[in-house]
């Protein structure tokens, strides 16, 4: 994981700058990745 302090119980995923951190074992799959990538794009603006 990108952040050693990340706790999968508190959030299934998060973004910081261009980094997307998530538990690949989470059952949310592609929709979770798409949602978080939207935040990456928003943070670049």
PDB file of N, CA and C in Angstrom:
ATOM      1  N   UNK A   1       0.832  -1.190   0.000  1.00  0.00           N
ATOM      2  CA  UNK A   1       0.000   0.000   0.000  1.00  0.00           C
ATOM      3  C   UNK A   1       0.868   1.242   0.000  1.00  0.00           C
ATOM      4  N   UNK A   2       0.302   2.314  -0.475  1.00  0.00           N
ATOM      5  CA  UNK A   2       1.054   3.554  -0.583  1.00  0.00           C
ATOM      6  C   UNK A   2       1.225   4.261   0.750  1.00  0.00           C
ATOM      7  N   UNK A   3       0.330   4.021   1.664  1.00  0.00           N
ATOM      8  CA  UNK A   3       0.368   4.723   2.943  1.00  0.00           C
ATOM      9  C   UNK A   3       0.272   3.697   4.065  1.00  0.00           C
ATOM     10  N   UNK A   4       1.312   3.583   4.854  1.00  0.00           N
ATOM     11  CA  UNK A   4       1.336   2.584   5.916  1.00  0.00           C
ATOM     12  C   UNK A   4       0.253   2.832   6.956  1.00  0.00           C
ATOM     13  N   UNK A   5      -0.239   4.062   7.058  1.00  0.00           N
ATOM     14  CA  UNK A   5      -1.276   4.377   8.042  1.00  0.00           C
ATOM     15  C   UNK A   5      -2.674   4.075   7.530  1.00  0.00           C
ATOM     16  N   UNK A   6      -2.807   3.691   6.271  1.00  0.00           N
ATOM     17  CA  UNK A   6      -4.111   3.379   5.686  1.00  0.00           C
ATOM     18  C   UNK A   6      -4.761   2.232   6.441  1.00  0.00           C
ATOM     19  N   UNK A   7      -6.004   2.389   6.784  1.00  0.00           N
ATOM     20  CA  UNK A   7      -6.753   1.360   7.493  1.00  0.00           C
ATOM     21  C   UNK A   7      -7.997   1.043   6.679  1.00  0.00           C
ATOM     22  N   UNK A   8      -8.051  -0.134   6.094  1.00  0.00           N
ATOM     23  CA  UNK A   8      -9.156  -0.514   5.216  1.00  0.00           C
ATOM     24  C   UNK A   8     -10.502  -0.494   5.933  1.00  0.00           C
ATOM     25  N   UNK A   9     -10.501  -0.553   7.252  1.00  0.00           N
ATOM     26  CA  UNK A   9     -11.767  -0.515   7.984  1.00  0.00           C
ATOM     27  C   UNK A   9     -12.358   0.885   7.999  1.00  0.00           C
ATOM     28  N   UNK A  10     -11.541   1.914   7.857  1.00  0.00           N
ATOM     29  CA  UNK A  10     -12.049   3.280   7.935  1.00  0.00           C
ATOM     30  C   UNK A  10     -12.520   3.797   6.581  1.00  0.00           C
ATOM     31  N   UNK A  11     -11.968   3.296   5.505  1.00  0.00           N
ATOM     32  CA  UNK A  11     -12.343   3.737   4.168  1.00  0.00           C
ATOM     33  C   UNK A  11     -11.905   2.678   3.167  1.00  0.00           C
ATOM     34  N   UNK A  12     -12.766   2.349   2.198  1.00  0.00           N
ATOM     35  CA  UNK A  12     -12.362   1.340   1.220  1.00  0.00           C
ATOM     36  C   UNK A  12     -11.282   1.836   0.264  1.00  0.00           C
ATOM     37  N   UNK A  13     -11.163   3.176   0.137  1.00  0.00           N
ATOM     38  CA  UNK A  13     -10.157   3.746  -0.768  1.00  0.00           C
ATOM     39  C   UNK A  13     -10.001   5.227  -0.483  1.00  0.00           C
ATOM     40  N   UNK A  14      -8.870   5.772  -0.913  1.00  0.00           N
ATOM     41  CA  UNK A  14      -8.694   7.215  -0.848  1.00  0.00           C
ATOM     42  C   UNK A  14      -7.641   7.634  -1.857  1.00  0.00           C
ATOM     43  N   UNK A  15      -7.654   8.915  -2.189  1.00  0.00           N
ATOM     44  CA  UNK A  15      -6.658   9.474  -3.098  1.00  0.00           C
ATOM     45  C   UNK A  15      -5.899  10.574  -2.386  1.00  0.00           C
ATOM     46  N   UNK A  16      -4.654  10.729  -2.775  1.00  0.00           N
ATOM     47  CA  UNK A  16      -3.825  11.839  -2.300  1.00  0.00           C
ATOM     48  C   UNK A  16      -2.932  12.204  -3.475  1.00  0.00           C
ATOM     49  N   UNK A  17      -3.137  13.424  -3.993  1.00  0.00           N
ATOM     50  CA  UNK A  17      -2.432  13.865  -5.207  1.00  0.00           C
ATOM     51  C   UNK A  17      -2.734  12.865  -6.322  1.00  0.00           C
ATOM     52  N   UNK A  18      -1.708  12.288  -6.919  1.00  0.00           N
ATOM     53  CA  UNK A  18      -1.924  11.332  -8.006  1.00  0.00           C
ATOM     54  C   UNK A  18      -1.972   9.885  -7.527  1.00  0.00           C
ATOM     55  N   UNK A  19      -1.931   9.672  -6.226  1.00  0.00           N
ATOM     56  CA  UNK A  19      -1.890   8.313  -5.689  1.00  0.00           C
ATOM     57  C   UNK A  19      -3.289   7.825  -5.335  1.00  0.00           C
ATOM     58  N   UNK A  20      -3.601   6.645  -5.768  1.00  0.00           N
ATOM     59  CA  UNK A  20      -4.861   5.985  -5.453  1.00  0.00           C
ATOM     60  C   UNK A  20      -4.538   4.788  -4.568  1.00  0.00           C
ATOM     61  N   UNK A  21      -5.102   4.764  -3.373  1.00  0.00           N
ATOM     62  CA  UNK A  21      -4.846   3.676  -2.434  1.00  0.00           C
ATOM     63  C   UNK A  21      -6.155   2.967  -2.139  1.00  0.00           C
ATOM     64  N   UNK A  22      -6.156   1.649  -2.307  1.00  0.00           N
ATOM     65  CA  UNK A  22      -7.349   0.872  -2.018  1.00  0.00           C
ATOM     66  C   UNK A  22      -6.957  -0.570  -1.744  1.00  0.00           C
ATOM     67  N   UNK A  23      -7.868  -1.286  -1.135  1.00  0.00           N
ATOM     68  CA  UNK A  23      -7.652  -2.699  -0.863  1.00  0.00           C
ATOM     69  C   UNK A  23      -8.112  -3.476  -2.094  1.00  0.00           C
ATOM     70  N   UNK A  24      -7.206  -4.111  -2.835  1.00  0.00           N
ATOM     71  CA  UNK A  24      -7.600  -4.829  -4.049  1.00  0.00           C
ATOM     72  C   UNK A  24      -8.527  -6.007  -3.763  1.00  0.00           C
ATOM     73  N   UNK A  25      -8.626  -6.402  -2.504  1.00  0.00           N
ATOM     74  CA  UNK A  25      -9.529  -7.496  -2.145  1.00  0.00           C
ATOM     75  C   UNK A  25     -10.954  -7.007  -1.905  1.00  0.00           C
ATOM     76  N   UNK A  26     -11.151  -5.691  -1.901  1.00  0.00           N
ATOM     77  CA  UNK A  26     -12.482  -5.129  -1.674  1.00  0.00           C
ATOM     78  C   UNK A  26     -13.422  -5.561  -2.794  1.00  0.00           C
ATOM     79  N   UNK A  27     -14.654  -5.807  -2.455  1.00  0.00           N
ATOM     80  CA  UNK A  27     -15.616  -6.301  -3.427  1.00  0.00           C
ATOM     81  C   UNK A  27     -16.204  -5.241  -4.338  1.00  0.00           C
ATOM     82  N   UNK A  28     -15.775  -4.001  -4.208  1.00  0.00           N
ATOM     83  CA  UNK A  28     -16.390  -2.917  -4.975  1.00  0.00           C
ATOM     84  C   UNK A  28     -15.856  -2.820  -6.400  1.00  0.00           C
ATOM     85  N   UNK A  29     -14.681  -3.362  -6.657  1.00  0.00           N
ATOM     86  CA  UNK A  29     -14.146  -3.490  -8.002  1.00  0.00           C
ATOM     87  C   UNK A  29     -14.008  -2.215  -8.805  1.00  0.00           C
ATOM     88  N   UNK A  30     -14.411  -2.304 -10.077  1.00  0.00           N
ATOM     89  CA  UNK A  30     -14.211  -1.237 -11.053  1.00  0.00           C
ATOM     90  C   UNK A  30     -14.903   0.065 -10.665  1.00  0.00           C
ATOM     91  N   UNK A  31     -16.069   0.004 -10.049  1.00  0.00           N
ATOM     92  CA  UNK A  31     -16.764   1.246  -9.687  1.00  0.00           C
ATOM     93  C   UNK A  31     -15.974   2.028  -8.646  1.00  0.00           C
ATOM     94  N   UNK A  32     -15.327   1.338  -7.736  1.00  0.00           N
ATOM     95  CA  UNK A  32     -14.496   1.998  -6.730  1.00  0.00           C
ATOM     96  C   UNK A  32     -13.303   2.688  -7.380  1.00  0.00           C
ATOM     97  N   UNK A  33     -12.637   2.007  -8.283  1.00  0.00           N
ATOM     98  CA  UNK A  33     -11.489   2.595  -8.977  1.00  0.00           C
ATOM     99  C   UNK A  33     -11.930   3.817  -9.775  1.00  0.00           C
ATOM    100  N   UNK A  34     -13.028   3.709 -10.500  1.00  0.00           N
ATOM    101  CA  UNK A  34     -13.541   4.839 -11.276  1.00  0.00           C
ATOM    102  C   UNK A  34     -13.878   6.026 -10.403  1.00  0.00           C
ATOM    103  N   UNK A  35     -14.500   5.776  -9.273  1.00  0.00           N
ATOM    104  CA  UNK A  35     -14.862   6.851  -8.348  1.00  0.00           C
ATOM    105  C   UNK A  35     -13.616   7.569  -7.838  1.00  0.00           C
ATOM    106  N   UNK A  36     -12.618   6.816  -7.434  1.00  0.00           N
ATOM    107  CA  UNK A  36     -11.400   7.422  -6.899  1.00  0.00           C
ATOM    108  C   UNK A  36     -10.603   8.143  -7.979  1.00  0.00           C
ATOM    109  N   UNK A  37     -10.581   7.622  -9.195  1.00  0.00           N
ATOM    110  CA  UNK A  37      -9.881   8.312 -10.283  1.00  0.00           C
ATOM    111  C   UNK A  37     -10.532   9.656 -10.591  1.00  0.00           C
ATOM    112  N   UNK A  38     -11.834   9.760 -10.384  1.00  0.00           N
ATOM    113  CA  UNK A  38     -12.514  11.048 -10.529  1.00  0.00           C
ATOM    114  C   UNK A  38     -11.922  12.065  -9.559  1.00  0.00           C
ATOM    115  N   UNK A  39     -11.634  11.648  -8.337  1.00  0.00           N
ATOM    116  CA  UNK A  39     -11.014  12.548  -7.362  1.00  0.00           C
ATOM    117  C   UNK A  39      -9.612  12.970  -7.800  1.00  0.00           C
ATOM    118  N   UNK A  40      -8.859  12.070  -8.399  1.00  0.00           N
ATOM    119  CA  UNK A  40      -7.519  12.417  -8.898  1.00  0.00           C
ATOM    120  C   UNK A  40      -7.631  13.528  -9.929  1.00  0.00           C
ATOM    121  N   UNK A  41      -8.570  13.384 -10.863  1.00  0.00           N
ATOM    122  CA  UNK A  41      -8.761  14.406 -11.901  1.00  0.00           C
ATOM    123  C   UNK A  41      -9.174  15.727 -11.263  1.00  0.00           C
ATOM    124  N   UNK A  42     -10.087  15.694 -10.311  1.00  0.00           N
ATOM    125  CA  UNK A  42     -10.543  16.913  -9.643  1.00  0.00           C
ATOM    126  C   UNK A  42      -9.403  17.608  -8.906  1.00  0.00           C
ATOM    127  N   UNK A  43      -8.521  16.860  -8.292  1.00  0.00           N
ATOM    128  CA  UNK A  43      -7.414  17.443  -7.537  1.00  0.00           C
ATOM    129  C   UNK A  43      -6.370  18.075  -8.446  1.00  0.00           C
ATOM    130  N   UNK A  44      -6.329  17.669  -9.700  1.00  0.00           N
ATOM    131  CA  UNK A  44      -5.361  18.240 -10.650  1.00  0.00           C
ATOM    132  C   UNK A  44      -5.781  19.617 -11.127  1.00  0.00           C
ATOM    133  N   UNK A  45      -7.049  19.951 -10.982  1.00  0.00           N
ATOM    134  CA  UNK A  45      -7.554  21.234 -11.489  1.00  0.00           C
ATOM    135  C   UNK A  45      -7.238  22.356 -10.544  1.00  0.00           C
TER     136      UNK A  45
END
